[in-house]
Amino acid sequence: MVCVFISIFSMAGLWTFASFIPLYLTQVSQLSVSAMGLVMSLFGLCTIFWVVFLPYSSDRTGRKPAMVGYALMASITPALLFLFPQSTISIVVYVAIGGIIMTLTAMFTSIIPVESVSPALMATAGAVIMGVGELLGSFAVGISGTLADTYGLPIVMLVTALAYIVVAIIALGLKETNRRRAKDLGQQPSPVSAEV
């Protein structure tokens, strides 16, 4: 259930960010269309790194610390773009760590649920988390668009940053599901994670 609420706010942030970032980079950050394309291509390449590194690092640190830490890191990119939209540093940070926004999904829709429920419920758990999150989270795009019409386009980055801060707060309610890390912390691993 914690992952369901994480999914709602994370998908709200992801869809808002992905929907508005090309427009934001050209209209607010004042990049040319070709420069925006180059920046987004570099962003895509760096995202490949996060696809591998984020789950790998959670094997070492534990799922809960990874979710909290990476959610906070995910909030940095939109926060910088909101505060300093035309700064080179903001663009570099977007390219370097913005991919966390795109790859954090694997943690709460797959890795944590698989370690939390019995094998018979693994697919169902992932589907419920993803389905509810995408359904309810998608409303954030329309809400963000309405806010942008009223307060200006920069507000969409503030919405994204706040969504990931909420994700980090909700993630504090997770129990550690990584069996090895739970033992290192002196916690009793759940029977389900012990089986997997």
C-alpha atoms as a PDB file:
ATOM      1  CA  MET A   1       0.000   0.000   0.000  1.00  0.00           C
ATOM      2  CA  VAL A   2       2.921   2.336   0.669  1.00  0.00           C
ATOM      3  CA  CYS A   3       4.110   1.695  -2.895  1.00  0.00           C
ATOM      4  CA  VAL A   4       0.646   2.573  -4.240  1.00  0.00           C
ATOM      5  CA  PHE A   5       0.876   6.054  -2.713  1.00  0.00           C
ATOM      6  CA  ILE A   6       4.495   6.390  -3.823  1.00  0.00           C
ATOM      7  CA  SER A   7       3.360   5.461  -7.326  1.00  0.00           C
ATOM      8  CA  ILE A   8       0.617   8.102  -7.432  1.00  0.00           C
ATOM      9  CA  PHE A   9       2.976  10.970  -6.610  1.00  0.00           C
ATOM     10  CA  SER A  10       5.940   9.597  -8.527  1.00  0.00           C
ATOM     11  CA  MET A  11       3.897   9.114 -11.683  1.00  0.00           C
ATOM     12  CA  ALA A  12       2.424  12.589 -11.206  1.00  0.00           C
ATOM     13  CA  GLY A  13       5.963  13.977 -11.146  1.00  0.00           C
ATOM     14  CA  LEU A  14       7.176  11.824 -14.017  1.00  0.00           C
ATOM     15  CA  TRP A  15       4.270  12.593 -16.369  1.00  0.00           C
ATOM     16  CA  THR A  16       4.353  16.309 -15.568  1.00  0.00           C
ATOM     17  CA  PHE A  17       8.111  16.468 -16.089  1.00  0.00           C
ATOM     18  CA  ALA A  18       8.121  14.417 -19.305  1.00  0.00           C
ATOM     19  CA  SER A  19       5.140  16.270 -20.777  1.00  0.00           C
ATOM     20  CA  PHE A  20       6.494  19.786 -20.295  1.00  0.00           C
ATOM     21  CA  ILE A  21      10.294  19.497 -20.419  1.00  0.00           C
ATOM     22  CA  PRO A  22      10.747  20.115 -24.192  1.00  0.00           C
ATOM     23  CA  LEU A  23       8.512  23.198 -24.031  1.00  0.00           C
ATOM     24  CA  TYR A  24      10.186  24.317 -20.812  1.00  0.00           C
ATOM     25  CA  LEU A  25      13.699  24.078 -22.231  1.00  0.00           C
ATOM     26  CA  THR A  26      12.799  26.131 -25.301  1.00  0.00           C
ATOM     27  CA  GLN A  27      10.418  28.708 -23.817  1.00  0.00           C
ATOM     28  CA  VAL A  28      11.737  29.189 -20.273  1.00  0.00           C
ATOM     29  CA  SER A  29      15.370  28.057 -20.466  1.00  0.00           C
ATOM     30  CA  GLN A  30      15.614  29.782 -23.859  1.00  0.00           C
ATOM     31  CA  LEU A  31      17.369  26.930 -25.682  1.00  0.00           C
ATOM     32  CA  SER A  32      17.053  26.680 -29.433  1.00  0.00           C
ATOM     33  CA  VAL A  33      15.148  23.667 -30.737  1.00  0.00           C
ATOM     34  CA  SER A  34      18.391  22.045 -31.919  1.00  0.00           C
ATOM     35  CA  ALA A  35      20.115  22.705 -28.569  1.00  0.00           C
ATOM     36  CA  MET A  36      17.099  21.288 -26.749  1.00  0.00           C
ATOM     37  CA  GLY A  37      17.293  18.169 -28.913  1.00  0.00           C
ATOM     38  CA  LEU A  38      20.986  17.754 -28.114  1.00  0.00           C
ATOM     39  CA  VAL A  39      20.402  18.242 -24.379  1.00  0.00           C
ATOM     40  CA  MET A  40      17.571  15.700 -24.375  1.00  0.00           C
ATOM     41  CA  SER A  41      19.691  13.209 -26.321  1.00  0.00           C
ATOM     42  CA  LEU A  42      22.465  13.506 -23.729  1.00  0.00           C
ATOM     43  CA  PHE A  43      19.824  13.168 -21.016  1.00  0.00           C
ATOM     44  CA  GLY A  44      18.656   9.927 -22.640  1.00  0.00           C
ATOM     45  CA  LEU A  45      22.188   8.530 -22.726  1.00  0.00           C
ATOM     46  CA  CYS A  46      22.761   9.335 -19.045  1.00  0.00           C
ATOM     47  CA  THR A  47      19.408   7.771 -18.183  1.00  0.00           C
ATOM     48  CA  ILE A  48      20.790   4.417 -19.388  1.00  0.00           C
ATOM     49  CA  PHE A  49      23.347   4.651 -16.580  1.00  0.00           C
ATOM     50  CA  TRP A  50      20.620   5.200 -13.982  1.00  0.00           C
ATOM     51  CA  VAL A  51      18.588   2.246 -15.301  1.00  0.00           C
ATOM     52  CA  VAL A  52      21.466   0.001 -14.241  1.00  0.00           C
ATOM     53  CA  PHE A  53      22.946   1.877 -11.290  1.00  0.00           C
ATOM     54  CA  LEU A  54      19.797   2.713  -9.334  1.00  0.00           C
ATOM     55  CA  PRO A  55      18.667  -0.905  -8.713  1.00  0.00           C
ATOM     56  CA  TYR A  56      22.289  -2.029  -8.264  1.00  0.00           C
ATOM     57  CA  SER A  57      22.920   0.583  -5.593  1.00  0.00           C
ATOM     58  CA  SER A  58      19.697  -0.372  -3.796  1.00  0.00           C
ATOM     59  CA  ASP A  59      21.156  -3.884  -3.464  1.00  0.00           C
ATOM     60  CA  ARG A  60      23.964  -2.321  -1.433  1.00  0.00           C
ATOM     61  CA  THR A  61      22.165   0.382   0.537  1.00  0.00           C
ATOM     62  CA  GLY A  62      18.748  -1.239   0.947  1.00  0.00           C
ATOM     63  CA  ARG A  63      15.450  -0.472  -0.745  1.00  0.00           C
ATOM     64  CA  LYS A  64      14.126   2.048   1.764  1.00  0.00           C
ATOM     65  CA  PRO A  65      17.225   4.307   1.863  1.00  0.00           C
ATOM     66  CA  ALA A  66      17.454   4.111  -1.930  1.00  0.00           C
ATOM     67  CA  MET A  67      13.819   5.147  -2.384  1.00  0.00           C
ATOM     68  CA  VAL A  68      14.145   8.070   0.030  1.00  0.00           C
ATOM     69  CA  GLY A  69      17.512   9.211  -1.299  1.00  0.00           C
ATOM     70  CA  TYR A  70      16.731   8.888  -4.982  1.00  0.00           C
ATOM     71  CA  ALA A  71      13.332  10.564  -4.589  1.00  0.00           C
ATOM     72  CA  LEU A  72      15.091  13.544  -3.007  1.00  0.00           C
ATOM     73  CA  MET A  73      17.666  13.506  -5.816  1.00  0.00           C
ATOM     74  CA  ALA A  74      14.813  13.399  -8.344  1.00  0.00           C
ATOM     75  CA  SER A  75      13.449  16.621  -6.851  1.00  0.00           C
ATOM     76  CA  ILE A  76      16.744  18.476  -7.408  1.00  0.00           C
ATOM     77  CA  THR A  77      16.505  18.670 -11.211  1.00  0.00           C
ATOM     78  CA  PRO A  78      13.048  20.308 -11.429  1.00  0.00           C
ATOM     79  CA  ALA A  79      13.845  22.510  -8.424  1.00  0.00           C
ATOM     80  CA  LEU A  80      16.965  23.889 -10.125  1.00  0.00           C
ATOM     81  CA  LEU A  81      15.128  24.340 -13.423  1.00  0.00           C
ATOM     82  CA  PHE A  82      12.401  26.237 -11.529  1.00  0.00           C
ATOM     83  CA  LEU A  83      14.818  28.469  -9.615  1.00  0.00           C
ATOM     84  CA  PHE A  84      17.507  28.938 -12.284  1.00  0.00           C
ATOM     85  CA  PRO A  85      15.920  28.025 -15.634  1.00  0.00           C
ATOM     86  CA  GLN A  86      18.597  29.634 -17.802  1.00  0.00           C
ATOM     87  CA  SER A  87      21.602  28.481 -15.781  1.00  0.00           C
ATOM     88  CA  THR A  88      24.096  26.148 -17.438  1.00  0.00           C
ATOM     89  CA  ILE A  89      24.398  24.324 -14.105  1.00  0.00           C
ATOM     90  CA  SER A  90      20.663  23.537 -14.149  1.00  0.00           C
ATOM     91  CA  ILE A  91      20.963  22.053 -17.643  1.00  0.00           C
ATOM     92  CA  VAL A  92      24.044  20.021 -16.658  1.00  0.00           C
ATOM     93  CA  VAL A  93      22.228  18.681 -13.569  1.00  0.00           C
ATOM     94  CA  TYR A  94      19.227  17.809 -15.757  1.00  0.00           C
ATOM     95  CA  VAL A  95      21.456  15.805 -18.092  1.00  0.00           C
ATOM     96  CA  ALA A  96      23.464  14.170 -15.287  1.00  0.00           C
ATOM     97  CA  ILE A  97      20.830  13.134 -12.737  1.00  0.00           C
ATOM     98  CA  GLY A  98      17.469  13.883 -14.347  1.00  0.00           C
ATOM     99  CA  GLY A  99      17.320  10.267 -15.481  1.00  0.00           C
ATOM    100  CA  ILE A 100      16.492   9.267 -11.914  1.00  0.00           C
ATOM    101  CA  ILE A 101      12.992  10.609 -12.559  1.00  0.00           C
ATOM    102  CA  MET A 102      12.584   8.198 -15.468  1.00  0.00           C
ATOM    103  CA  THR A 103      14.078   5.127 -13.759  1.00  0.00           C
ATOM    104  CA  LEU A 104      12.829   5.306 -10.156  1.00  0.00           C
ATOM    105  CA  THR A 105       9.647   3.530 -11.254  1.00  0.00           C
ATOM    106  CA  ALA A 106      11.345   0.114 -11.244  1.00  0.00           C
ATOM    107  CA  MET A 107      11.886   0.345  -7.494  1.00  0.00           C
ATOM    108  CA  PHE A 108       8.263   0.710  -6.395  1.00  0.00           C
ATOM    109  CA  THR A 109       6.497  -1.167  -9.200  1.00  0.00           C
ATOM    110  CA  SER A 110       8.763  -4.201  -9.376  1.00  0.00           C
ATOM    111  CA  ILE A 111      11.663  -4.634  -6.962  1.00  0.00           C
ATOM    112  CA  ILE A 112       9.977  -3.784  -3.656  1.00  0.00           C
ATOM    113  CA  PRO A 113       6.632  -5.494  -4.431  1.00  0.00           C
ATOM    114  CA  VAL A 114       8.368  -8.700  -5.585  1.00  0.00           C
ATOM    115  CA  GLU A 115      10.205  -8.838  -2.258  1.00  0.00           C
ATOM    116  CA  SER A 116       7.086  -7.971  -0.252  1.00  0.00           C
ATOM    117  CA  VAL A 117       4.404 -10.422  -1.332  1.00  0.00           C
ATOM    118  CA  SER A 118       4.111 -14.142  -1.949  1.00  0.00           C
ATOM    119  CA  PRO A 119       5.078 -15.367  -5.435  1.00  0.00           C
ATOM    120  CA  ALA A 120       1.400 -15.915  -6.268  1.00  0.00           C
ATOM    121  CA  LEU A 121       0.716 -12.185  -5.827  1.00  0.00           C
ATOM    122  CA  MET A 122       3.833 -10.665  -7.410  1.00  0.00           C
ATOM    123  CA  ALA A 123       2.269  -9.799 -10.786  1.00  0.00           C
ATOM    124  CA  THR A 124      -0.945  -8.535  -9.184  1.00  0.00           C
ATOM    125  CA  ALA A 125       0.933  -6.326  -6.725  1.00  0.00           C
ATOM    126  CA  GLY A 126       2.990  -4.747  -9.488  1.00  0.00           C
ATOM    127  CA  ALA A 127      -0.065  -4.241 -11.695  1.00  0.00           C
ATOM    128  CA  VAL A 128      -2.106  -2.591  -8.930  1.00  0.00           C
ATOM    129  CA  ILE A 129       0.754  -0.275  -7.980  1.00  0.00           C
ATOM    130  CA  MET A 130       1.420   0.707 -11.577  1.00  0.00           C
ATOM    131  CA  GLY A 131      -2.231   0.940 -12.617  1.00  0.00           C
ATOM    132  CA  VAL A 132      -3.418   3.078  -9.707  1.00  0.00           C
ATOM    133  CA  GLY A 133      -0.308   5.258  -9.889  1.00  0.00           C
ATOM    134  CA  GLU A 134      -0.590   5.942 -13.596  1.00  0.00           C
ATOM    135  CA  LEU A 135      -4.348   6.468 -13.493  1.00  0.00           C
ATOM    136  CA  LEU A 136      -4.377   8.931 -10.595  1.00  0.00           C
ATOM    137  CA  GLY A 137      -0.934  10.387 -11.295  1.00  0.00           C
ATOM    138  CA  SER A 138      -1.904  11.308 -14.855  1.00  0.00           C
ATOM    139  CA  PHE A 139      -4.354  13.904 -13.532  1.00  0.00           C
ATOM    140  CA  ALA A 140      -1.331  15.952 -12.446  1.00  0.00           C
ATOM    141  CA  VAL A 141      -0.551  16.766 -16.083  1.00  0.00           C
ATOM    142  CA  GLY A 142      -3.912  18.488 -16.571  1.00  0.00           C
ATOM    143  CA  ILE A 143      -3.692  20.220 -13.206  1.00  0.00           C
ATOM    144  CA  SER A 144      -0.141  21.376 -13.979  1.00  0.00           C
ATOM    145  CA  GLY A 145      -1.243  22.677 -17.376  1.00  0.00           C
ATOM    146  CA  THR A 146      -4.040  24.664 -15.748  1.00  0.00           C
ATOM    147  CA  LEU A 147      -1.609  26.065 -13.183  1.00  0.00           C
ATOM    148  CA  ALA A 148       0.829  26.943 -15.986  1.00  0.00           C
ATOM    149  CA  ASP A 149      -1.910  28.860 -17.822  1.00  0.00           C
ATOM    150  CA  THR A 150      -2.565  30.857 -14.647  1.00  0.00           C
ATOM    151  CA  TYR A 151       0.905  31.271 -13.096  1.00  0.00           C
ATOM    152  CA  GLY A 152       3.272  30.616 -15.976  1.00  0.00           C
ATOM    153  CA  LEU A 153       5.148  27.580 -17.273  1.00  0.00           C
ATOM    154  CA  PRO A 154       7.795  27.507 -14.481  1.00  0.00           C
ATOM    155  CA  ILE A 155       5.134  26.245 -12.059  1.00  0.00           C
ATOM    156  CA  VAL A 156       5.261  22.782 -13.668  1.00  0.00           C
ATOM    157  CA  MET A 157       8.806  22.279 -12.375  1.00  0.00           C
ATOM    158  CA  LEU A 158       7.722  23.289  -8.890  1.00  0.00           C
ATOM    159  CA  VAL A 159       4.884  20.742  -9.054  1.00  0.00           C
ATOM    160  CA  THR A 160       7.363  18.038 -10.131  1.00  0.00           C
ATOM    161  CA  ALA A 161       9.852  18.878  -7.381  1.00  0.00           C
ATOM    162  CA  LEU A 162       7.124  18.859  -4.716  1.00  0.00           C
ATOM    163  CA  ALA A 163       5.782  15.531  -6.000  1.00  0.00           C
ATOM    164  CA  TYR A 164       9.167  13.868  -5.453  1.00  0.00           C
ATOM    165  CA  ILE A 165       9.589  15.418  -2.016  1.00  0.00           C
ATOM    166  CA  VAL A 166       6.228  13.860  -1.103  1.00  0.00           C
ATOM    167  CA  VAL A 167       7.480  10.534  -2.529  1.00  0.00           C
ATOM    168  CA  ALA A 168      10.540  10.713  -0.247  1.00  0.00           C
ATOM    169  CA  ILE A 169       8.333  11.385   2.781  1.00  0.00           C
ATOM    170  CA  ILE A 170       5.986   8.497   1.946  1.00  0.00           C
ATOM    171  CA  ALA A 171       8.986   6.200   1.347  1.00  0.00           C
ATOM    172  CA  LEU A 172       9.959   6.658   4.995  1.00  0.00           C
ATOM    173  CA  GLY A 173       7.004   4.353   5.709  1.00  0.00           C
ATOM    174  CA  LEU A 174       8.558   1.453   3.786  1.00  0.00           C
ATOM    175  CA  LYS A 175       9.928  -1.619   5.532  1.00  0.00           C
ATOM    176  CA  GLU A 176      13.279  -2.901   4.287  1.00  0.00           C
ATOM    177  CA  THR A 177      12.634  -5.727   1.825  1.00  0.00           C
ATOM    178  CA  ASN A 178      16.233  -6.466   0.828  1.00  0.00           C
ATOM    179  CA  ARG A 179      16.930  -9.596   2.879  1.00  0.00           C
ATOM    180  CA  ARG A 180      20.710  -9.139   3.059  1.00  0.00           C
ATOM    181  CA  ARG A 181      20.457  -5.470   4.030  1.00  0.00           C
ATOM    182  CA  ALA A 182      17.789  -6.210   6.657  1.00  0.00           C
ATOM    183  CA  LYS A 183      20.136  -8.748   8.269  1.00  0.00           C
ATOM    184  CA  ASP A 184      23.000  -6.219   8.213  1.00  0.00           C
ATOM    185  CA  LEU A 185      20.756  -3.795  10.085  1.00  0.00           C
ATOM    186  CA  GLY A 186      19.862  -6.485  12.619  1.00  0.00           C
ATOM    187  CA  GLN A 187      16.264  -6.678  11.441  1.00  0.00           C
ATOM    188  CA  GLN A 188      14.300  -9.851  10.929  1.00  0.00           C
ATOM    189  CA  PRO A 189      13.660 -10.269   7.185  1.00  0.00           C
ATOM    190  CA  SER A 190      10.060 -10.948   6.265  1.00  0.00           C
ATOM    191  CA  PRO A 191       9.196 -14.572   5.449  1.00  0.00           C
ATOM    192  CA  VAL A 192       8.343 -13.541   1.906  1.00  0.00           C
ATOM    193  CA  SER A 193      11.700 -11.863   1.263  1.00  0.00           C
ATOM    194  CA  ALA A 194      13.420 -14.864   2.794  1.00  0.00           C
ATOM    195  CA  GLU A 195      11.755 -17.147   0.244  1.00  0.00           C
ATOM    196  CA  VAL A 196      12.610 -15.015  -2.793  1.00  0.00           C
END
